């Protein structure tokens, strides 16, 4: 689930191809994020987990290696696999963010998340205005049109909005901002997927003018205007999440 758009697709409820490996990773990941396997605790032994999920030892060990690579657990000989503190988790990883979403993030987590999202996306908007190419401008207009065309369709609308934001990160020409699109996608998923089914027209129309101004400012090379437009759009998302 590392490719762009995968988090939105997963949170939209679309059935996905599942295998034993991804199933066990997801079950354990959500269990850790929800506190069912508390921080500092030792996971059940291999035999117990294998029996619980009906998987082989090979599948389980590969799943645990994946969780360890994401910073959720640490395996130690003669001790077992321990759940690590959240400050060790890779919170920029789409799969980790999807588990946190499914577990239900608390208000403190969301507040911290929005601080980081504002830092990333407002700077990306300003930098995009300074460094965009003609192709970036063309893609911004394309995804702006797609966003409008998919009003009332939760997943396509969310994906179009995400691609618009991803284009802005690309246009910034900053490799660190380009690499932070998991954060961007999580924010859009939180704002759209949970709300558009209830207020489809309201959500789309409320932000339409802001997106039009953002695209115009980036095309015109107006960095501070682009930054201000992004600030306004993110404030709407924060209220919706």
Foldseek 3Di string as FASTA:
>chain_A
DQDPLPLLCVLLVPDDDDDLLNVLLLVVLLCDLLCVQPAFHADDDQVVSCVVSVDDSVSVVVSVVVCVVQQQWDQDPPPHIGGHDPVRGNPLGLSSLSSNVVSPPDPVVLVVLLVVVLVLQLLLLLLLLAQADPVLLVLLVVLLVQLVVCQLPQSSNLSSVLSNSLSSLVSSVDVVSNSRSSSVSSLSSQQGSVPCNPVRVCVSVVLSVLSVQSSVSSPNSPRVSNSVSVVVVSVNSSVRD
